[in-house]
Amino acid sequence: MINQSVKEFNGAGGRIAADFRAIIADSEDLLKAAATMSGEGLAAARVKFEEKVSRAKTALADASQPMLEKSRETAAAVNVYVHDNPWSAVGAAAAAGVLVGFLAAKR
């Protein structure tokens, strides 16, 4: 379940990264062309850039939604586990604290 979520998130992250690369390339083109374009050409380039930004925002929202849902499910499962096994949870938290303290002291 978690592996599938990670794969979905990584795939979405790749698509989002590609969208952002396209936005950056378009913004560079827009900046280069701003000096030589007429008002009409600049307006068309601006509309194209705004469409790319809008698509990137939508892709980010679509990619984050499944991960948020999986996070909520995981939090609910952890909540149930902690309520059923409070001493195990305390032990795990203490062990994690000791590990973090040990690693922090090494620096």
Protein backbone atom coordinates (compact mmCIF):
# COMPACT_ATOMS: atom_id res chain seq x y z
CA MET A 1 0.00 0.00 0.00
CA ILE A 2 2.73 2.46 0.97
CA ASN A 3 4.97 1.34 -1.91
CA GLN A 4 2.16 2.00 -4.36
CA SER A 5 1.62 5.46 -2.86
CA VAL A 6 5.31 6.23 -3.12
CA LYS A 7 5.36 5.12 -6.77
CA GLU A 8 2.30 7.27 -7.55
CA PHE A 9 3.85 10.24 -5.78
CA ASN A 10 7.18 9.81 -7.58
CA GLY A 11 5.41 9.59 -10.94
CA ALA A 12 3.43 12.70 -10.18
CA GLY A 13 6.59 14.41 -8.99
CA GLY A 14 8.24 13.67 -12.32
CA ARG A 15 5.33 15.17 -14.21
CA ILE A 16 5.36 18.24 -11.98
CA ALA A 17 9.11 18.64 -12.42
CA ALA A 18 8.65 18.49 -16.20
CA ASP A 19 5.92 21.14 -15.97
CA PHE A 20 8.16 23.40 -13.91
CA ARG A 21 11.05 22.93 -16.36
CA ALA A 22 8.68 23.97 -19.15
CA ILE A 23 7.56 27.00 -17.13
CA ILE A 24 11.16 28.02 -16.53
CA ALA A 25 12.00 27.63 -20.23
CA ASP A 26 8.92 29.62 -21.21
CA SER A 27 9.73 32.36 -18.72
CA GLU A 28 13.28 32.60 -20.07
CA ASP A 29 11.90 32.84 -23.61
CA LEU A 30 9.41 35.46 -22.46
CA LEU A 31 12.15 37.54 -20.86
CA LYS A 32 14.39 37.29 -23.94
CA ALA A 33 11.55 38.17 -26.27
CA ALA A 34 10.18 40.99 -24.12
CA ALA A 35 12.81 43.37 -25.45
CA THR A 36 11.97 42.72 -29.09
CA MET A 37 8.24 41.89 -29.07
CA SER A 38 5.45 44.19 -29.85
CA GLY A 39 2.60 44.59 -27.37
CA GLU A 40 0.58 41.96 -29.26
CA GLY A 41 3.34 39.34 -29.22
CA LEU A 42 4.09 39.97 -25.57
CA ALA A 43 0.42 39.53 -24.66
CA ALA A 44 0.30 36.19 -26.51
CA ALA A 45 3.44 34.98 -24.75
CA ARG A 46 2.00 36.07 -21.41
CA VAL A 47 -1.21 34.11 -22.04
CA LYS A 48 0.83 31.01 -22.92
CA PHE A 49 2.90 31.40 -19.78
CA GLU A 50 -0.20 31.83 -17.59
CA GLU A 51 -1.69 28.65 -19.09
CA LYS A 52 1.48 26.70 -18.23
CA VAL A 53 1.43 28.02 -14.66
CA SER A 54 -2.23 27.08 -14.32
CA ARG A 55 -1.54 23.55 -15.58
CA ALA A 56 1.37 23.17 -13.18
CA LYS A 57 -0.81 24.27 -10.25
CA THR A 58 -3.48 21.77 -11.24
CA ALA A 59 -0.92 18.99 -11.59
CA LEU A 60 0.49 19.78 -8.17
CA ALA A 61 -2.96 19.70 -6.59
CA ASP A 62 -3.81 16.42 -8.35
CA ALA A 63 -0.53 14.84 -7.30
CA SER A 64 -0.78 15.87 -3.67
CA GLN A 65 -4.38 14.69 -3.15
CA PRO A 66 -3.69 10.90 -3.14
CA MET A 67 -0.71 11.37 -0.84
CA LEU A 68 -2.83 13.41 1.58
CA GLU A 69 -5.47 10.69 1.61
CA LYS A 70 -2.85 7.98 2.25
CA SER A 71 -1.34 10.11 5.02
CA ARG A 72 -4.73 10.41 6.70
CA GLU A 73 -5.25 6.64 6.47
CA THR A 74 -1.79 6.02 7.92
CA ALA A 75 -2.38 8.48 10.75
CA ALA A 76 -5.68 6.78 11.58
CA ALA A 77 -3.97 3.36 11.63
CA VAL A 78 -1.20 4.70 13.87
CA ASN A 79 -3.78 6.25 16.17
CA VAL A 80 -5.56 2.91 16.54
CA TYR A 81 -2.26 1.09 17.16
CA VAL A 82 -1.12 3.58 19.79
CA HIS A 83 -4.45 3.33 21.61
CA ASP A 84 -4.28 -0.47 21.53
CA ASN A 85 -0.56 -0.68 22.46
CA PRO A 86 0.40 2.44 24.42
CA TRP A 87 3.54 1.00 26.03
CA SER A 88 4.93 -0.22 22.72
CA ALA A 89 4.43 3.27 21.31
CA VAL A 90 6.17 4.84 24.31
CA GLY A 91 9.07 2.40 23.90
CA ALA A 92 9.40 3.13 20.20
CA ALA A 93 9.31 6.89 20.83
CA ALA A 94 11.96 6.56 23.55
CA ALA A 95 14.18 4.48 21.27
CA ALA A 96 13.82 7.04 18.48
CA GLY A 97 14.67 9.83 20.94
CA VAL A 98 17.78 8.02 22.12
CA LEU A 99 18.87 7.43 18.54
CA VAL A 100 18.35 11.07 17.58
CA GLY A 101 20.17 12.20 20.73
CA PHE A 102 23.08 9.89 19.98
CA LEU A 103 23.35 11.10 16.40
CA ALA A 104 23.09 14.74 17.46
CA ALA A 105 25.81 14.28 20.09
CA LYS A 106 28.19 12.86 17.44
CA ARG A 107 28.13 16.13 15.52
